[in-house]
């Protein structure tokens, strides 16, 4: 009997005192589910929306010229324990696509922690503002994206397909989704000229 008690203590005590050393606790991580890229007063801002149990969306907006720079600044200054591996939705204001979209997609494609199936779409300024007010809007947006993709298989809706289209020398243009402020989704042709492609 004494041997059994000692054996039990030898098994349990190391687990009790050691725990999970070096582990990153989930409640201490800042998990990002959605990112928006928009413009205000001539400057580009990336807003990182955190996974929280609160009723209203919680976000951090960072001025940057690219998503890569915004991620660097977020990790260094604004969002401790930033976790981007769960990012599902990336929205870009259509007015800044020439300045940001291609380099942002290239950056996403180079990082192993991003899902290549992350939904990427364009929107107007009002949708970006609405994201800060509605916690349900990202989910509704994803549902609309899936619905439209099922109707039109030619649409590019994720980071991998858009990356492949940017770097496909046989294509002159391709279509991505555009969400307007009425939350309707339309296909918007995004033209990539040979001159732009050669600069990649």
C-alpha atoms as a PDB file:
ATOM      1  CA  UNK A   1       0.000   0.000   0.000  1.00  0.00           C
ATOM      2  CA  UNK A   2       2.807   2.395   0.907  1.00  0.00           C
ATOM      3  CA  UNK A   3       4.536   1.583  -2.388  1.00  0.00           C
ATOM      4  CA  UNK A   4       1.389   2.511  -4.314  1.00  0.00           C
ATOM      5  CA  UNK A   5       1.085   5.838  -2.496  1.00  0.00           C
ATOM      6  CA  UNK A   6       4.744   6.637  -3.141  1.00  0.00           C
ATOM      7  CA  UNK A   7       4.391   5.698  -6.809  1.00  0.00           C
ATOM      8  CA  UNK A   8       1.306   7.901  -7.124  1.00  0.00           C
ATOM      9  CA  UNK A   9       3.120  10.838  -5.500  1.00  0.00           C
ATOM     10  CA  UNK A  10       6.131  10.372  -7.779  1.00  0.00           C
ATOM     11  CA  UNK A  11       3.852  10.601 -10.816  1.00  0.00           C
ATOM     12  CA  UNK A  12       1.698  13.510  -9.662  1.00  0.00           C
ATOM     13  CA  UNK A  13       4.153  15.833  -7.907  1.00  0.00           C
ATOM     14  CA  UNK A  14       6.361  16.610 -10.962  1.00  0.00           C
ATOM     15  CA  UNK A  15       3.262  17.575 -12.941  1.00  0.00           C
ATOM     16  CA  UNK A  16       1.975  19.752 -10.128  1.00  0.00           C
ATOM     17  CA  UNK A  17       5.181  21.711  -9.639  1.00  0.00           C
ATOM     18  CA  UNK A  18       6.456  21.882 -13.217  1.00  0.00           C
ATOM     19  CA  UNK A  19       3.229  22.617 -15.092  1.00  0.00           C
ATOM     20  CA  UNK A  20       3.668  23.637 -18.717  1.00  0.00           C
ATOM     21  CA  UNK A  21       6.932  25.542 -18.579  1.00  0.00           C
ATOM     22  CA  UNK A  22       7.420  27.976 -21.463  1.00  0.00           C
ATOM     23  CA  UNK A  23       3.879  27.584 -22.763  1.00  0.00           C
ATOM     24  CA  UNK A  24       2.022  30.564 -24.246  1.00  0.00           C
ATOM     25  CA  UNK A  25      -1.248  30.716 -22.356  1.00  0.00           C
ATOM     26  CA  UNK A  26      -4.270  31.246 -24.616  1.00  0.00           C
ATOM     27  CA  UNK A  27      -5.734  33.945 -22.375  1.00  0.00           C
ATOM     28  CA  UNK A  28      -2.480  35.914 -22.656  1.00  0.00           C
ATOM     29  CA  UNK A  29      -2.382  35.732 -26.469  1.00  0.00           C
ATOM     30  CA  UNK A  30      -3.812  38.467 -28.655  1.00  0.00           C
ATOM     31  CA  UNK A  31      -5.532  36.412 -31.349  1.00  0.00           C
ATOM     32  CA  UNK A  32      -6.359  38.394 -34.495  1.00  0.00           C
ATOM     33  CA  UNK A  33      -9.337  37.235 -36.588  1.00  0.00           C
ATOM     34  CA  UNK A  34      -9.810  40.136 -39.019  1.00  0.00           C
ATOM     35  CA  UNK A  35      -7.622  42.869 -40.493  1.00  0.00           C
ATOM     36  CA  UNK A  36      -8.809  45.895 -42.462  1.00  0.00           C
ATOM     37  CA  UNK A  37      -6.690  48.275 -44.544  1.00  0.00           C
ATOM     38  CA  UNK A  38      -8.093  51.756 -45.104  1.00  0.00           C
ATOM     39  CA  UNK A  39      -7.171  55.378 -45.579  1.00  0.00           C
ATOM     40  CA  UNK A  40      -7.794  58.431 -43.424  1.00  0.00           C
ATOM     41  CA  UNK A  41      -6.491  61.947 -44.130  1.00  0.00           C
ATOM     42  CA  UNK A  42      -4.118  60.620 -46.767  1.00  0.00           C
ATOM     43  CA  UNK A  43      -2.551  57.997 -44.479  1.00  0.00           C
ATOM     44  CA  UNK A  44      -3.001  54.227 -44.591  1.00  0.00           C
ATOM     45  CA  UNK A  45      -4.170  52.441 -41.441  1.00  0.00           C
ATOM     46  CA  UNK A  46      -4.329  48.721 -40.690  1.00  0.00           C
ATOM     47  CA  UNK A  47      -6.840  47.715 -38.024  1.00  0.00           C
ATOM     48  CA  UNK A  48      -6.260  44.445 -36.156  1.00  0.00           C
ATOM     49  CA  UNK A  49      -9.468  42.967 -34.674  1.00  0.00           C
ATOM     50  CA  UNK A  50      -8.891  40.777 -31.637  1.00  0.00           C
ATOM     51  CA  UNK A  51     -10.814  37.701 -30.574  1.00  0.00           C
ATOM     52  CA  UNK A  52     -12.630  38.701 -27.376  1.00  0.00           C
ATOM     53  CA  UNK A  53     -15.721  37.787 -25.406  1.00  0.00           C
ATOM     54  CA  UNK A  54     -16.907  41.395 -25.410  1.00  0.00           C
ATOM     55  CA  UNK A  55     -20.046  42.548 -27.230  1.00  0.00           C
ATOM     56  CA  UNK A  56     -18.279  45.277 -29.226  1.00  0.00           C
ATOM     57  CA  UNK A  57     -15.285  44.605 -31.507  1.00  0.00           C
ATOM     58  CA  UNK A  58     -11.897  45.375 -29.990  1.00  0.00           C
ATOM     59  CA  UNK A  59      -9.283  46.636 -32.420  1.00  0.00           C
ATOM     60  CA  UNK A  60      -5.956  48.398 -32.705  1.00  0.00           C
ATOM     61  CA  UNK A  61      -5.342  50.711 -35.695  1.00  0.00           C
ATOM     62  CA  UNK A  62      -1.779  51.235 -36.847  1.00  0.00           C
ATOM     63  CA  UNK A  63      -0.533  53.710 -39.432  1.00  0.00           C
ATOM     64  CA  UNK A  64       1.774  51.933 -41.892  1.00  0.00           C
ATOM     65  CA  UNK A  65       2.565  51.786 -45.586  1.00  0.00           C
ATOM     66  CA  UNK A  66       2.122  48.003 -45.781  1.00  0.00           C
ATOM     67  CA  UNK A  67       0.729  45.050 -43.855  1.00  0.00           C
ATOM     68  CA  UNK A  68       4.287  43.867 -43.221  1.00  0.00           C
ATOM     69  CA  UNK A  69       5.174  47.156 -41.538  1.00  0.00           C
ATOM     70  CA  UNK A  70       1.892  47.140 -39.595  1.00  0.00           C
ATOM     71  CA  UNK A  71       2.600  43.616 -38.285  1.00  0.00           C
ATOM     72  CA  UNK A  72       6.090  44.639 -37.209  1.00  0.00           C
ATOM     73  CA  UNK A  73       4.811  47.746 -35.393  1.00  0.00           C
ATOM     74  CA  UNK A  74       1.967  45.779 -33.811  1.00  0.00           C
ATOM     75  CA  UNK A  75       4.340  43.190 -32.347  1.00  0.00           C
ATOM     76  CA  UNK A  76       6.892  45.760 -31.205  1.00  0.00           C
ATOM     77  CA  UNK A  77       4.660  48.481 -29.757  1.00  0.00           C
ATOM     78  CA  UNK A  78       0.920  47.923 -29.696  1.00  0.00           C
ATOM     79  CA  UNK A  79      -0.233  44.306 -29.323  1.00  0.00           C
ATOM     80  CA  UNK A  80       1.691  42.096 -26.891  1.00  0.00           C
ATOM     81  CA  UNK A  81       1.674  38.372 -27.725  1.00  0.00           C
ATOM     82  CA  UNK A  82       0.287  39.038 -31.224  1.00  0.00           C
ATOM     83  CA  UNK A  83      -1.055  35.850 -32.833  1.00  0.00           C
ATOM     84  CA  UNK A  84      -1.867  36.004 -36.574  1.00  0.00           C
ATOM     85  CA  UNK A  85      -2.196  32.283 -37.320  1.00  0.00           C
ATOM     86  CA  UNK A  86      -5.995  32.472 -36.854  1.00  0.00           C
ATOM     87  CA  UNK A  87      -6.484  35.418 -39.235  1.00  0.00           C
ATOM     88  CA  UNK A  88      -9.505  34.574 -41.412  1.00  0.00           C
ATOM     89  CA  UNK A  89     -10.504  37.800 -43.172  1.00  0.00           C
ATOM     90  CA  UNK A  90      -8.428  40.563 -44.790  1.00  0.00           C
ATOM     91  CA  UNK A  91     -10.375  43.572 -46.109  1.00  0.00           C
ATOM     92  CA  UNK A  92      -8.845  46.375 -48.182  1.00  0.00           C
ATOM     93  CA  UNK A  93     -10.474  49.672 -49.124  1.00  0.00           C
ATOM     94  CA  UNK A  94     -10.674  49.642 -52.933  1.00  0.00           C
ATOM     95  CA  UNK A  95      -9.233  53.165 -53.112  1.00  0.00           C
ATOM     96  CA  UNK A  96      -5.813  51.966 -51.891  1.00  0.00           C
ATOM     97  CA  UNK A  97      -5.437  48.666 -53.756  1.00  0.00           C
ATOM     98  CA  UNK A  98      -2.766  50.046 -56.080  1.00  0.00           C
ATOM     99  CA  UNK A  99      -0.669  51.095 -53.079  1.00  0.00           C
ATOM    100  CA  UNK A 100      -1.112  48.081 -50.816  1.00  0.00           C
ATOM    101  CA  UNK A 101      -2.854  44.961 -52.101  1.00  0.00           C
ATOM    102  CA  UNK A 102      -0.121  43.304 -54.134  1.00  0.00           C
ATOM    103  CA  UNK A 103       2.670  43.817 -51.596  1.00  0.00           C
ATOM    104  CA  UNK A 104       0.339  42.761 -48.768  1.00  0.00           C
ATOM    105  CA  UNK A 105      -0.582  39.530 -50.574  1.00  0.00           C
ATOM    106  CA  UNK A 106       3.099  38.865 -51.318  1.00  0.00           C
ATOM    107  CA  UNK A 107       3.963  39.321 -47.636  1.00  0.00           C
ATOM    108  CA  UNK A 108       1.134  36.997 -46.534  1.00  0.00           C
ATOM    109  CA  UNK A 109       2.305  34.333 -48.989  1.00  0.00           C
ATOM    110  CA  UNK A 110       5.848  34.408 -47.563  1.00  0.00           C
ATOM    111  CA  UNK A 111       4.833  33.814 -43.938  1.00  0.00           C
ATOM    112  CA  UNK A 112       4.189  30.183 -42.922  1.00  0.00           C
ATOM    113  CA  UNK A 113       1.817  31.115 -40.082  1.00  0.00           C
ATOM    114  CA  UNK A 114      -0.797  32.701 -42.386  1.00  0.00           C
ATOM    115  CA  UNK A 115      -3.426  30.423 -43.876  1.00  0.00           C
ATOM    116  CA  UNK A 116      -3.262  30.531 -47.699  1.00  0.00           C
ATOM    117  CA  UNK A 117      -7.048  30.074 -47.607  1.00  0.00           C
ATOM    118  CA  UNK A 118      -7.594  33.337 -45.707  1.00  0.00           C
ATOM    119  CA  UNK A 119     -10.447  35.288 -47.294  1.00  0.00           C
ATOM    120  CA  UNK A 120      -9.294  38.481 -49.003  1.00  0.00           C
ATOM    121  CA  UNK A 121     -11.733  41.008 -50.408  1.00  0.00           C
ATOM    122  CA  UNK A 122     -12.167  44.674 -51.291  1.00  0.00           C
ATOM    123  CA  UNK A 123     -14.655  47.043 -49.724  1.00  0.00           C
ATOM    124  CA  UNK A 124     -15.579  50.691 -49.440  1.00  0.00           C
ATOM    125  CA  UNK A 125     -14.736  53.082 -46.613  1.00  0.00           C
ATOM    126  CA  UNK A 126     -18.086  52.607 -44.868  1.00  0.00           C
ATOM    127  CA  UNK A 127     -17.610  48.846 -44.506  1.00  0.00           C
ATOM    128  CA  UNK A 128     -14.318  49.468 -42.709  1.00  0.00           C
ATOM    129  CA  UNK A 129     -16.090  51.875 -40.352  1.00  0.00           C
ATOM    130  CA  UNK A 130     -18.895  49.348 -39.798  1.00  0.00           C
ATOM    131  CA  UNK A 131     -16.340  46.676 -38.817  1.00  0.00           C
ATOM    132  CA  UNK A 132     -15.496  48.744 -35.748  1.00  0.00           C
ATOM    133  CA  UNK A 133     -19.155  48.707 -34.656  1.00  0.00           C
ATOM    134  CA  UNK A 134     -20.462  45.244 -35.571  1.00  0.00           C
ATOM    135  CA  UNK A 135     -18.989  42.031 -34.204  1.00  0.00           C
ATOM    136  CA  UNK A 136     -21.169  40.016 -36.603  1.00  0.00           C
ATOM    137  CA  UNK A 137     -19.985  41.739 -39.788  1.00  0.00           C
ATOM    138  CA  UNK A 138     -16.846  39.585 -40.337  1.00  0.00           C
ATOM    139  CA  UNK A 139     -18.915  36.399 -40.090  1.00  0.00           C
ATOM    140  CA  UNK A 140     -21.586  37.821 -42.415  1.00  0.00           C
ATOM    141  CA  UNK A 141     -18.872  38.859 -44.873  1.00  0.00           C
ATOM    142  CA  UNK A 142     -17.387  35.366 -44.929  1.00  0.00           C
ATOM    143  CA  UNK A 143     -20.836  33.865 -45.536  1.00  0.00           C
ATOM    144  CA  UNK A 144     -21.367  36.222 -48.485  1.00  0.00           C
ATOM    145  CA  UNK A 145     -17.920  35.375 -49.879  1.00  0.00           C
ATOM    146  CA  UNK A 146     -18.669  31.641 -49.789  1.00  0.00           C
ATOM    147  CA  UNK A 147     -22.059  32.201 -51.403  1.00  0.00           C
ATOM    148  CA  UNK A 148     -20.603  34.305 -54.227  1.00  0.00           C
ATOM    149  CA  UNK A 149     -17.713  31.901 -54.781  1.00  0.00           C
ATOM    150  CA  UNK A 150     -20.187  29.036 -55.184  1.00  0.00           C
ATOM    151  CA  UNK A 151     -21.999  31.067 -57.845  1.00  0.00           C
ATOM    152  CA  UNK A 152     -18.850  32.100 -59.686  1.00  0.00           C
ATOM    153  CA  UNK A 153     -15.847  29.781 -59.538  1.00  0.00           C
ATOM    154  CA  UNK A 154     -13.726  32.324 -61.450  1.00  0.00           C
ATOM    155  CA  UNK A 155     -13.642  34.696 -58.479  1.00  0.00           C
ATOM    156  CA  UNK A 156     -10.459  34.892 -56.442  1.00  0.00           C
ATOM    157  CA  UNK A 157     -11.426  34.955 -52.779  1.00  0.00           C
ATOM    158  CA  UNK A 158      -8.371  33.804 -50.852  1.00  0.00           C
ATOM    159  CA  UNK A 159      -4.768  34.899 -50.432  1.00  0.00           C
ATOM    160  CA  UNK A 160      -3.334  31.958 -52.380  1.00  0.00           C
ATOM    161  CA  UNK A 161      -5.520  32.403 -55.462  1.00  0.00           C
ATOM    162  CA  UNK A 162      -4.913  36.153 -55.556  1.00  0.00           C
ATOM    163  CA  UNK A 163      -1.155  35.623 -55.172  1.00  0.00           C
ATOM    164  CA  UNK A 164      -1.167  33.101 -58.025  1.00  0.00           C
ATOM    165  CA  UNK A 165      -3.131  35.497 -60.222  1.00  0.00           C
ATOM    166  CA  UNK A 166      -0.781  38.396 -59.490  1.00  0.00           C
ATOM    167  CA  UNK A 167       2.111  36.228 -60.654  1.00  0.00           C
ATOM    168  CA  UNK A 168       0.410  34.555 -63.628  1.00  0.00           C
ATOM    169  CA  UNK A 169       2.009  36.018 -66.763  1.00  0.00           C
ATOM    170  CA  UNK A 170      -0.852  34.710 -68.931  1.00  0.00           C
ATOM    171  CA  UNK A 171      -3.459  36.895 -67.166  1.00  0.00           C
ATOM    172  CA  UNK A 172      -4.164  40.527 -67.907  1.00  0.00           C
ATOM    173  CA  UNK A 173      -6.859  40.815 -65.238  1.00  0.00           C
ATOM    174  CA  UNK A 174      -8.758  38.791 -62.691  1.00  0.00           C
ATOM    175  CA  UNK A 175     -11.766  39.300 -60.425  1.00  0.00           C
ATOM    176  CA  UNK A 176     -11.985  39.585 -56.659  1.00  0.00           C
ATOM    177  CA  UNK A 177     -14.980  40.392 -54.476  1.00  0.00           C
ATOM    178  CA  UNK A 178     -16.058  43.909 -53.593  1.00  0.00           C
ATOM    179  CA  UNK A 179     -18.306  44.641 -50.610  1.00  0.00           C
ATOM    180  CA  UNK A 180     -20.160  47.943 -50.659  1.00  0.00           C
ATOM    181  CA  UNK A 181     -21.645  49.759 -47.680  1.00  0.00           C
ATOM    182  CA  UNK A 182     -25.019  48.067 -48.219  1.00  0.00           C
ATOM    183  CA  UNK A 183     -23.249  44.759 -47.488  1.00  0.00           C
ATOM    184  CA  UNK A 184     -23.892  43.532 -51.007  1.00  0.00           C
ATOM    185  CA  UNK A 185     -21.092  41.719 -52.744  1.00  0.00           C
ATOM    186  CA  UNK A 186     -20.061  42.452 -56.303  1.00  0.00           C
ATOM    187  CA  UNK A 187     -17.256  41.099 -58.432  1.00  0.00           C
ATOM    188  CA  UNK A 188     -14.750  43.805 -59.226  1.00  0.00           C
ATOM    189  CA  UNK A 189     -12.259  43.220 -62.056  1.00  0.00           C
ATOM    190  CA  UNK A 190      -8.786  44.042 -60.833  1.00  0.00           C
ATOM    191  CA  UNK A 191      -6.562  44.860 -63.803  1.00  0.00           C
ATOM    192  CA  UNK A 192      -2.883  44.021 -63.601  1.00  0.00           C
ATOM    193  CA  UNK A 193      -0.900  45.388 -66.534  1.00  0.00           C
ATOM    194  CA  UNK A 194       2.239  43.725 -67.922  1.00  0.00           C
ATOM    195  CA  UNK A 195       4.215  46.809 -66.903  1.00  0.00           C
ATOM    196  CA  UNK A 196       3.128  46.397 -63.262  1.00  0.00           C
ATOM    197  CA  UNK A 197       3.792  42.660 -63.326  1.00  0.00           C
ATOM    198  CA  UNK A 198       7.368  43.138 -64.516  1.00  0.00           C
ATOM    199  CA  UNK A 199       8.099  45.274 -61.471  1.00  0.00           C
ATOM    200  CA  UNK A 200       7.346  42.399 -59.080  1.00  0.00           C
END
